[in-house]
């Protein structure tokens, strides 16, 4: 495996996992505080703590891929690349007052057959080049790109995602992409 690609995936996915785990810890910390304060002060705070705990459990269950580190995703790419069915490019435009663009953040998201996902930042042109070369070599059959219709197909049936895309003529495998995504 290409060492630059391997390093990029491990580093980017690990950064994403750290941020996600910190967010989950903050949610559960808030829940614990509210539960404790609710016991001491008010039933309203206790109920807010229960809601926060529920949100925490929901986040843990729906963001299982985001909570896994870089080693998990790198191992998945090496050993079970067919489980990653979609690579979604994401361009986030950070603006002031919805008018002035401050900067753009370029990200990619891996999505699996089991609906796990992780989003990684890939801003520099060098990182994007390494990323594109790596996915062409190791994830050639994953769909690359985004449209609302593709998103709907994934939400409806992640297991049959690629075959459903093929049936509708929307399948765009990584191995056929020759231009830059952004």
Protein backbone atom coordinates (compact mmCIF):
# COMPACT_ATOMS: atom_id res chain seq x y z
CA UNK A 1 0.00 0.00 0.00
CA UNK A 2 1.12 3.53 -0.74
CA UNK A 3 2.63 4.97 2.46
CA UNK A 4 1.47 8.54 1.70
CA UNK A 5 -2.13 7.38 1.22
CA UNK A 6 -1.93 5.16 4.29
CA UNK A 7 -0.62 8.05 6.39
CA UNK A 8 -3.26 10.46 5.04
CA UNK A 9 -6.14 8.10 5.79
CA UNK A 10 -4.91 7.20 9.26
CA UNK A 11 -4.22 10.84 10.21
CA UNK A 12 -7.41 12.31 8.75
CA UNK A 13 -9.70 9.62 10.13
CA UNK A 14 -8.00 9.80 13.53
CA UNK A 15 -8.52 13.58 13.65
CA UNK A 16 -12.18 13.11 12.80
CA UNK A 17 -12.59 10.37 15.43
CA UNK A 18 -10.96 12.51 18.14
CA UNK A 19 -13.34 15.40 17.44
CA UNK A 20 -16.35 13.07 17.44
CA UNK A 21 -15.31 11.36 20.67
CA UNK A 22 -14.79 14.72 22.38
CA UNK A 23 -18.26 15.81 21.28
CA UNK A 24 -19.79 12.62 22.68
CA UNK A 25 -17.89 13.08 25.94
CA UNK A 26 -19.20 16.66 26.16
CA UNK A 27 -22.78 15.49 25.62
CA UNK A 28 -22.51 12.83 28.32
CA UNK A 29 -20.74 15.29 30.65
CA UNK A 30 -23.59 17.75 30.20
CA UNK A 31 -26.09 14.96 30.82
CA UNK A 32 -24.33 13.93 34.03
CA UNK A 33 -24.21 17.53 35.24
CA UNK A 34 -27.89 18.08 34.50
CA UNK A 35 -28.90 14.81 36.16
CA UNK A 36 -26.90 15.68 39.27
CA UNK A 37 -28.23 19.25 39.34
CA UNK A 38 -31.72 17.90 38.79
CA UNK A 39 -31.45 15.66 41.83
CA UNK A 40 -30.24 18.58 43.96
CA UNK A 41 -32.23 21.48 42.51
CA UNK A 42 -35.11 20.81 40.13
CA UNK A 43 -36.96 18.08 38.32
CA UNK A 44 -36.77 20.21 35.13
CA UNK A 45 -32.96 19.94 35.15
CA UNK A 46 -33.23 16.20 35.79
CA UNK A 47 -35.52 15.82 32.77
CA UNK A 48 -33.11 17.90 30.67
CA UNK A 49 -30.35 15.52 31.80
CA UNK A 50 -32.39 12.53 30.65
CA UNK A 51 -32.90 14.20 27.27
CA UNK A 52 -29.17 14.93 26.98
CA UNK A 53 -28.36 11.31 27.86
CA UNK A 54 -30.83 10.14 25.21
CA UNK A 55 -29.21 12.42 22.65
CA UNK A 56 -25.81 11.00 23.63
CA UNK A 57 -26.95 7.41 23.13
CA UNK A 58 -28.56 8.34 19.81
CA UNK A 59 -25.33 9.99 18.63
CA UNK A 60 -23.25 6.97 19.64
CA UNK A 61 -25.57 4.61 17.78
CA UNK A 62 -25.83 6.66 14.59
CA UNK A 63 -22.22 7.86 14.40
CA UNK A 64 -20.46 4.55 14.99
CA UNK A 65 -18.11 5.09 12.03
CA UNK A 66 -17.16 8.60 13.10
CA UNK A 67 -16.11 7.27 16.51
CA UNK A 68 -13.70 4.71 15.09
CA UNK A 69 -10.11 5.77 14.61
CA UNK A 70 -7.77 5.88 11.67
CA UNK A 71 -6.47 2.36 12.19
CA UNK A 72 -9.99 0.93 11.82
CA UNK A 73 -10.61 2.72 8.51
CA UNK A 74 -7.16 1.91 7.16
CA UNK A 75 -7.67 -1.77 8.00
CA UNK A 76 -11.09 -1.68 6.34
CA UNK A 77 -9.56 -0.25 3.16
CA UNK A 78 -6.79 -2.85 3.15
CA UNK A 79 -8.81 -5.95 4.08
CA UNK A 80 -12.43 -5.27 3.04
CA UNK A 81 -12.47 -2.47 0.45
CA UNK A 82 -15.76 -3.75 -1.00
CA UNK A 83 -17.53 -2.63 2.20
CA UNK A 84 -16.89 1.03 1.27
CA UNK A 85 -19.52 1.70 -1.38
CA UNK A 86 -19.55 5.48 -1.64
CA UNK A 87 -16.98 8.26 -1.45
CA UNK A 88 -18.78 11.57 -1.14
CA UNK A 89 -16.90 14.84 -1.80
CA UNK A 90 -18.02 17.69 0.45
CA UNK A 91 -17.19 21.35 -0.09
CA UNK A 92 -17.99 23.58 2.90
CA UNK A 93 -17.98 27.31 2.21
CA UNK A 94 -17.44 29.27 5.44
CA UNK A 95 -19.04 32.68 5.04
CA UNK A 96 -19.67 35.81 7.04
CA UNK A 97 -23.33 36.90 7.05
CA UNK A 98 -23.98 34.50 4.16
CA UNK A 99 -22.25 36.95 1.83
CA UNK A 100 -18.48 37.02 2.19
CA UNK A 101 -16.67 33.75 1.68
CA UNK A 102 -13.87 33.42 4.23
CA UNK A 103 -12.50 30.05 3.14
CA UNK A 104 -13.56 26.73 1.71
CA UNK A 105 -12.98 23.42 3.41
CA UNK A 106 -12.68 20.31 1.27
CA UNK A 107 -13.69 16.98 2.77
CA UNK A 108 -14.36 13.43 1.71
CA UNK A 109 -16.72 11.01 3.38
CA UNK A 110 -16.44 7.22 3.24
CA UNK A 111 -19.80 5.42 3.51
CA UNK A 112 -20.12 1.66 3.98
CA UNK A 113 -22.69 -1.02 3.24
CA UNK A 114 -23.53 -1.09 6.95
CA UNK A 115 -24.19 2.70 6.97
CA UNK A 116 -21.03 3.56 8.86
CA UNK A 117 -19.36 6.74 7.72
CA UNK A 118 -16.46 9.01 8.47
CA UNK A 119 -15.67 12.48 7.17
CA UNK A 120 -12.09 13.59 6.69
CA UNK A 121 -10.62 16.96 5.80
CA UNK A 122 -8.48 16.99 2.66
CA UNK A 123 -7.70 20.66 1.97
CA UNK A 124 -4.27 20.78 0.38
CA UNK A 125 -3.81 19.97 -3.29
CA UNK A 126 -1.06 17.51 -2.35
CA UNK A 127 -3.40 15.64 0.01
CA UNK A 128 -6.17 15.60 -2.62
CA UNK A 129 -3.76 14.15 -5.19
CA UNK A 130 -2.59 11.45 -2.76
CA UNK A 131 -6.22 10.74 -1.83
CA UNK A 132 -7.39 10.40 -5.44
CA UNK A 133 -4.46 8.14 -6.40
CA UNK A 134 -5.05 6.02 -3.32
CA UNK A 135 -8.76 5.52 -3.81
CA UNK A 136 -8.22 4.67 -7.48
CA UNK A 137 -5.78 1.96 -6.42
CA UNK A 138 -7.63 0.57 -3.39
CA UNK A 139 -11.30 1.51 -3.75
CA UNK A 140 -11.81 1.39 -7.54
CA UNK A 141 -15.41 0.16 -7.37
CA UNK A 142 -16.74 2.65 -4.82
CA UNK A 143 -19.12 5.27 -6.21
CA UNK A 144 -17.61 8.76 -6.29
CA UNK A 145 -19.75 11.89 -6.33
CA UNK A 146 -22.90 13.35 -4.91
CA UNK A 147 -26.43 14.13 -5.96
CA UNK A 148 -29.67 14.16 -3.98
CA UNK A 149 -30.86 11.10 -5.91
CA UNK A 150 -27.73 9.17 -5.02
CA UNK A 151 -28.14 10.19 -1.39
CA UNK A 152 -31.71 8.88 -1.40
CA UNK A 153 -30.64 5.55 -2.90
CA UNK A 154 -28.02 5.12 -0.18
CA UNK A 155 -30.51 5.96 2.57
CA UNK A 156 -33.03 3.48 1.17
CA UNK A 157 -30.66 0.51 0.71
CA UNK A 158 -26.98 0.78 1.58
CA UNK A 159 -26.43 -2.94 0.97
CA UNK A 160 -27.73 -2.76 -2.60
CA UNK A 161 -26.43 0.76 -3.22
CA UNK A 162 -24.07 0.00 -6.12
CA UNK A 163 -26.51 -2.31 -7.91
CA UNK A 164 -29.32 0.25 -7.52
CA UNK A 165 -27.06 2.99 -8.91
CA UNK A 166 -26.15 0.76 -11.83
CA UNK A 167 -29.82 0.03 -12.60
CA UNK A 168 -30.60 3.75 -12.68
CA UNK A 169 -27.49 4.61 -14.73
CA UNK A 170 -26.01 6.73 -11.93
CA UNK A 171 -23.04 4.53 -11.00
CA UNK A 172 -19.73 6.40 -11.24
CA UNK A 173 -16.94 4.14 -9.96
CA UNK A 174 -13.69 5.71 -8.78
CA UNK A 175 -11.72 3.84 -11.46
CA UNK A 176 -13.53 5.81 -14.22
CA UNK A 177 -12.94 9.27 -12.75
CA UNK A 178 -10.15 11.10 -14.56
CA UNK A 179 -10.70 14.69 -13.42
CA UNK A 180 -10.50 16.35 -10.06
CA UNK A 181 -13.60 16.17 -7.87
CA UNK A 182 -13.58 19.74 -6.57
